[in-house]
C-alpha atoms as a PDB file:
ATOM      1  CA  UNK A   1       0.059  -0.024  -0.039  1.00  0.00           C
ATOM      2  CA  UNK A   2       2.817   2.475   0.881  1.00  0.00           C
ATOM      3  CA  UNK A   3       4.627   1.845  -2.481  1.00  0.00           C
ATOM      4  CA  UNK A   4       1.539   2.606  -4.387  1.00  0.00           C
ATOM      5  CA  UNK A   5       1.090   5.801  -2.452  1.00  0.00           C
ATOM      6  CA  UNK A   6       4.642   7.045  -2.893  1.00  0.00           C
ATOM      7  CA  UNK A   7       4.093   6.793  -6.750  1.00  0.00           C
ATOM      8  CA  UNK A   8       1.033   8.759  -6.806  1.00  0.00           C
ATOM      9  CA  UNK A   9       2.781  11.472  -4.959  1.00  0.00           C
ATOM     10  CA  UNK A  10       5.468  11.353  -7.496  1.00  0.00           C
ATOM     11  CA  UNK A  11       2.737  11.784 -10.427  1.00  0.00           C
ATOM     12  CA  UNK A  12       1.218  14.636  -8.702  1.00  0.00           C
ATOM     13  CA  UNK A  13       4.627  16.247  -8.311  1.00  0.00           C
ATOM     14  CA  UNK A  14       5.489  15.755 -11.636  1.00  0.00           C
ATOM     15  CA  UNK A  15       1.968  17.177 -13.164  1.00  0.00           C
ATOM     16  CA  UNK A  16       2.421  20.179 -10.683  1.00  0.00           C
ATOM     17  CA  UNK A  17       6.126  20.902 -12.016  1.00  0.00           C
ATOM     18  CA  UNK A  18       4.966  20.478 -15.656  1.00  0.00           C
ATOM     19  CA  UNK A  19       2.156  22.816 -14.977  1.00  0.00           C
ATOM     20  CA  UNK A  20       4.118  25.345 -13.317  1.00  0.00           C
ATOM     21  CA  UNK A  21       6.908  25.313 -16.227  1.00  0.00           C
ATOM     22  CA  UNK A  22       4.039  25.795 -19.149  1.00  0.00           C
ATOM     23  CA  UNK A  23       2.541  28.669 -16.865  1.00  0.00           C
ATOM     24  CA  UNK A  24       6.102  30.022 -16.856  1.00  0.00           C
ATOM     25  CA  UNK A  25       6.708  29.465 -20.753  1.00  0.00           C
ATOM     26  CA  UNK A  26       3.330  30.895 -21.512  1.00  0.00           C
ATOM     27  CA  UNK A  27       3.726  34.131 -19.548  1.00  0.00           C
ATOM     28  CA  UNK A  28       7.534  34.612 -20.826  1.00  0.00           C
ATOM     29  CA  UNK A  29       6.117  34.170 -24.391  1.00  0.00           C
ATOM     30  CA  UNK A  30       3.366  36.768 -23.820  1.00  0.00           C
ATOM     31  CA  UNK A  31       5.552  39.379 -22.720  1.00  0.00           C
ATOM     32  CA  UNK A  32       8.107  38.863 -25.611  1.00  0.00           C
ATOM     33  CA  UNK A  33       6.466  41.404 -28.195  1.00  0.00           C
ATOM     34  CA  UNK A  34       6.547  43.967 -25.589  1.00  0.00           C
ATOM     35  CA  UNK A  35      10.415  43.636 -24.698  1.00  0.00           C
ATOM     36  CA  UNK A  36      10.833  43.283 -28.298  1.00  0.00           C
ATOM     37  CA  UNK A  37       9.047  46.539 -29.135  1.00  0.00           C
ATOM     38  CA  UNK A  38      10.852  48.278 -26.262  1.00  0.00           C
ATOM     39  CA  UNK A  39      14.237  47.053 -27.455  1.00  0.00           C
ATOM     40  CA  UNK A  40      13.711  47.979 -31.194  1.00  0.00           C
ATOM     41  CA  UNK A  41      12.499  51.705 -29.972  1.00  0.00           C
ATOM     42  CA  UNK A  42      15.525  52.023 -27.883  1.00  0.00           C
ATOM     43  CA  UNK A  43      17.808  51.123 -30.690  1.00  0.00           C
ATOM     44  CA  UNK A  44      16.146  53.423 -32.967  1.00  0.00           C
ATOM     45  CA  UNK A  45      16.106  56.308 -30.307  1.00  0.00           C
ATOM     46  CA  UNK A  46      19.801  55.904 -29.702  1.00  0.00           C
ATOM     47  CA  UNK A  47      20.471  55.999 -33.491  1.00  0.00           C
ATOM     48  CA  UNK A  48      18.414  58.898 -34.412  1.00  0.00           C
ATOM     49  CA  UNK A  49      17.943  60.853 -31.131  1.00  0.00           C
ATOM     50  CA  UNK A  50      20.969  60.301 -29.933  1.00  0.00           C
ATOM     51  CA  UNK A  51      19.649  58.844 -26.516  1.00  0.00           C
ATOM     52  CA  UNK A  52      22.305  56.990 -24.634  1.00  0.00           C
ATOM     53  CA  UNK A  53      20.463  56.359 -21.395  1.00  0.00           C
ATOM     54  CA  UNK A  54      16.962  54.976 -21.611  1.00  0.00           C
ATOM     55  CA  UNK A  55      14.842  56.117 -18.383  1.00  0.00           C
ATOM     56  CA  UNK A  56      11.261  55.194 -19.449  1.00  0.00           C
ATOM     57  CA  UNK A  57       9.120  53.633 -22.293  1.00  0.00           C
ATOM     58  CA  UNK A  58       5.579  54.336 -23.306  1.00  0.00           C
ATOM     59  CA  UNK A  59       3.254  52.203 -25.842  1.00  0.00           C
ATOM     60  CA  UNK A  60       0.412  54.661 -27.312  1.00  0.00           C
ATOM     61  CA  UNK A  61      -2.284  53.309 -29.431  1.00  0.00           C
ATOM     62  CA  UNK A  62      -5.053  55.235 -30.846  1.00  0.00           C
ATOM     63  CA  UNK A  63      -7.298  55.407 -33.630  1.00  0.00           C
ATOM     64  CA  UNK A  64      -5.387  52.638 -35.443  1.00  0.00           C
ATOM     65  CA  UNK A  65      -2.018  54.083 -35.105  1.00  0.00           C
ATOM     66  CA  UNK A  66       0.490  53.197 -32.645  1.00  0.00           C
ATOM     67  CA  UNK A  67       3.549  54.890 -31.120  1.00  0.00           C
ATOM     68  CA  UNK A  68       6.486  53.734 -29.012  1.00  0.00           C
ATOM     69  CA  UNK A  69       8.201  56.716 -26.834  1.00  0.00           C
ATOM     70  CA  UNK A  70      11.477  56.530 -25.205  1.00  0.00           C
ATOM     71  CA  UNK A  71      12.495  58.901 -22.858  1.00  0.00           C
ATOM     72  CA  UNK A  72      16.010  59.292 -21.709  1.00  0.00           C
ATOM     73  CA  UNK A  73      19.316  61.571 -21.775  1.00  0.00           C
ATOM     74  CA  UNK A  74      21.879  62.293 -24.612  1.00  0.00           C
ATOM     75  CA  UNK A  75      25.495  62.634 -23.898  1.00  0.00           C
ATOM     76  CA  UNK A  76      24.933  66.149 -22.887  1.00  0.00           C
ATOM     77  CA  UNK A  77      22.631  64.959 -20.088  1.00  0.00           C
ATOM     78  CA  UNK A  78      19.806  66.734 -21.948  1.00  0.00           C
ATOM     79  CA  UNK A  79      16.371  64.600 -21.221  1.00  0.00           C
ATOM     80  CA  UNK A  80      14.599  63.861 -24.431  1.00  0.00           C
ATOM     81  CA  UNK A  81      11.564  62.153 -25.781  1.00  0.00           C
ATOM     82  CA  UNK A  82      11.772  60.018 -29.078  1.00  0.00           C
ATOM     83  CA  UNK A  83       8.356  59.409 -30.220  1.00  0.00           C
ATOM     84  CA  UNK A  84       8.497  56.316 -33.007  1.00  0.00           C
ATOM     85  CA  UNK A  85       5.599  55.639 -35.267  1.00  0.00           C
ATOM     86  CA  UNK A  86       4.485  51.943 -35.155  1.00  0.00           C
ATOM     87  CA  UNK A  87       6.017  51.460 -38.608  1.00  0.00           C
ATOM     88  CA  UNK A  88       9.332  52.847 -37.647  1.00  0.00           C
ATOM     89  CA  UNK A  89       9.307  55.514 -40.562  1.00  0.00           C
ATOM     90  CA  UNK A  90       8.906  58.652 -38.608  1.00  0.00           C
ATOM     91  CA  UNK A  91      10.672  59.574 -35.490  1.00  0.00           C
ATOM     92  CA  UNK A  92       9.886  62.884 -33.388  1.00  0.00           C
ATOM     93  CA  UNK A  93      12.280  64.163 -30.897  1.00  0.00           C
ATOM     94  CA  UNK A  94      11.173  66.421 -28.305  1.00  0.00           C
ATOM     95  CA  UNK A  95      13.349  68.138 -25.207  1.00  0.00           C
ATOM     96  CA  UNK A  96      11.455  67.371 -22.076  1.00  0.00           C
ATOM     97  CA  UNK A  97      12.154  70.822 -20.989  1.00  0.00           C
ATOM     98  CA  UNK A  98       9.665  72.063 -23.862  1.00  0.00           C
ATOM     99  CA  UNK A  99       6.607  70.330 -22.058  1.00  0.00           C
ATOM    100  CA  UNK A 100       5.120  68.574 -19.280  1.00  0.00           C
ATOM    101  CA  UNK A 101       6.482  65.171 -17.891  1.00  0.00           C
ATOM    102  CA  UNK A 102       4.412  62.041 -17.451  1.00  0.00           C
ATOM    103  CA  UNK A 103       4.131  62.778 -13.690  1.00  0.00           C
ATOM    104  CA  UNK A 104       2.828  66.363 -14.210  1.00  0.00           C
ATOM    105  CA  UNK A 105       0.342  64.904 -16.730  1.00  0.00           C
ATOM    106  CA  UNK A 106      -0.769  62.262 -14.107  1.00  0.00           C
ATOM    107  CA  UNK A 107      -0.956  64.964 -11.380  1.00  0.00           C
ATOM    108  CA  UNK A 108      -2.954  67.024 -13.571  1.00  0.00           C
ATOM    109  CA  UNK A 109      -5.644  64.553 -13.990  1.00  0.00           C
ATOM    110  CA  UNK A 110      -5.546  63.468 -10.389  1.00  0.00           C
ATOM    111  CA  UNK A 111      -6.083  66.990  -9.147  1.00  0.00           C
ATOM    112  CA  UNK A 112      -8.873  67.786 -11.798  1.00  0.00           C
ATOM    113  CA  UNK A 113     -10.660  64.469 -12.037  1.00  0.00           C
ATOM    114  CA  UNK A 114     -10.009  62.767  -8.659  1.00  0.00           C
ATOM    115  CA  UNK A 115      -9.782  59.235 -10.130  1.00  0.00           C
ATOM    116  CA  UNK A 116     -10.179  56.143  -8.209  1.00  0.00           C
ATOM    117  CA  UNK A 117      -7.112  54.876 -10.181  1.00  0.00           C
ATOM    118  CA  UNK A 118      -4.966  56.105 -12.804  1.00  0.00           C
ATOM    119  CA  UNK A 119      -4.089  53.115 -15.291  1.00  0.00           C
ATOM    120  CA  UNK A 120      -1.754  54.368 -17.776  1.00  0.00           C
ATOM    121  CA  UNK A 121      -0.030  57.582 -18.982  1.00  0.00           C
ATOM    122  CA  UNK A 122       1.794  57.631 -22.409  1.00  0.00           C
ATOM    123  CA  UNK A 123       3.206  59.773 -24.784  1.00  0.00           C
ATOM    124  CA  UNK A 124       2.196  59.741 -28.686  1.00  0.00           C
ATOM    125  CA  UNK A 125       1.059  61.908 -31.481  1.00  0.00           C
ATOM    126  CA  UNK A 126      -2.353  63.857 -32.014  1.00  0.00           C
ATOM    127  CA  UNK A 127      -4.428  62.340 -34.683  1.00  0.00           C
ATOM    128  CA  UNK A 128      -3.016  65.009 -37.345  1.00  0.00           C
ATOM    129  CA  UNK A 129       0.318  63.509 -36.345  1.00  0.00           C
ATOM    130  CA  UNK A 130       1.616  67.160 -35.569  1.00  0.00           C
ATOM    131  CA  UNK A 131       1.824  67.760 -32.061  1.00  0.00           C
ATOM    132  CA  UNK A 132       2.784  65.390 -28.979  1.00  0.00           C
ATOM    133  CA  UNK A 133      -0.011  64.437 -26.441  1.00  0.00           C
ATOM    134  CA  UNK A 134      -0.252  62.620 -23.225  1.00  0.00           C
ATOM    135  CA  UNK A 135      -2.921  60.115 -22.980  1.00  0.00           C
ATOM    136  CA  UNK A 136      -3.986  59.315 -19.140  1.00  0.00           C
ATOM    137  CA  UNK A 137      -6.489  56.532 -18.913  1.00  0.00           C
ATOM    138  CA  UNK A 138      -8.008  56.045 -15.475  1.00  0.00           C
ATOM    139  CA  UNK A 139     -10.898  54.896 -13.403  1.00  0.00           C
ATOM    140  CA  UNK A 140     -13.294  57.387 -12.272  1.00  0.00           C
ATOM    141  CA  UNK A 141     -14.911  57.234  -8.847  1.00  0.00           C
ATOM    142  CA  UNK A 142     -17.896  55.251 -10.098  1.00  0.00           C
ATOM    143  CA  UNK A 143     -15.223  52.641 -11.469  1.00  0.00           C
ATOM    144  CA  UNK A 144     -15.771  53.667 -15.188  1.00  0.00           C
ATOM    145  CA  UNK A 145     -12.944  53.667 -17.535  1.00  0.00           C
ATOM    146  CA  UNK A 146     -12.098  57.230 -18.867  1.00  0.00           C
ATOM    147  CA  UNK A 147      -9.250  58.851 -20.661  1.00  0.00           C
ATOM    148  CA  UNK A 148      -7.892  62.459 -21.187  1.00  0.00           C
ATOM    149  CA  UNK A 149      -5.741  63.721 -24.144  1.00  0.00           C
ATOM    150  CA  UNK A 150      -3.393  66.597 -22.724  1.00  0.00           C
ATOM    151  CA  UNK A 151      -0.992  68.806 -24.822  1.00  0.00           C
ATOM    152  CA  UNK A 152       2.653  67.881 -24.449  1.00  0.00           C
ATOM    153  CA  UNK A 153       3.664  71.710 -24.637  1.00  0.00           C
ATOM    154  CA  UNK A 154       1.285  72.774 -21.520  1.00  0.00           C
ATOM    155  CA  UNK A 155      -0.983  70.048 -20.209  1.00  0.00           C
ATOM    156  CA  UNK A 156      -4.203  71.711 -21.732  1.00  0.00           C
ATOM    157  CA  UNK A 157      -6.770  68.956 -22.113  1.00  0.00           C
ATOM    158  CA  UNK A 158      -7.787  68.597 -25.896  1.00  0.00           C
ATOM    159  CA  UNK A 159      -9.975  65.624 -25.694  1.00  0.00           C
ATOM    160  CA  UNK A 160     -11.773  63.460 -23.035  1.00  0.00           C
ATOM    161  CA  UNK A 161     -13.963  60.528 -22.916  1.00  0.00           C
ATOM    162  CA  UNK A 162     -15.682  59.617 -19.684  1.00  0.00           C
ATOM    163  CA  UNK A 163     -17.534  56.776 -18.441  1.00  0.00           C
ATOM    164  CA  UNK A 164     -16.677  53.915 -21.146  1.00  0.00           C
END
């Protein structure tokens, strides 16, 4: 009887280990596209915007377009944002001191909208592809999804959608 119980334990442990391994492989694979996008964006930012030290990364998707933004410093220590189009064909570079930061965009929404929770802050381009904008997504006090687009230049709200 005892031998049989020992082999059952081995089978159960083997199944548990196999399941844990599968879960690890699944989640590792699910993160790979994001890591790949971030690595590609960092290389492009280094090559074209001369960002030598990456400090932050944002993904922005809106109205069928996507942007990847790398925040970092150049050799002179100047803080820059490199906004890269989803097809890698256009890179816009902005000095951080010419606009508001992600932290400031978040603070503007927190003070003006009093959200229950801020979900994401990302830098991308407006629908005309002419000006950088911060997109802040959040849950309002009722738990409904909301988002606000703020100008990079001064944080003015240019579009909002409430209670999605």
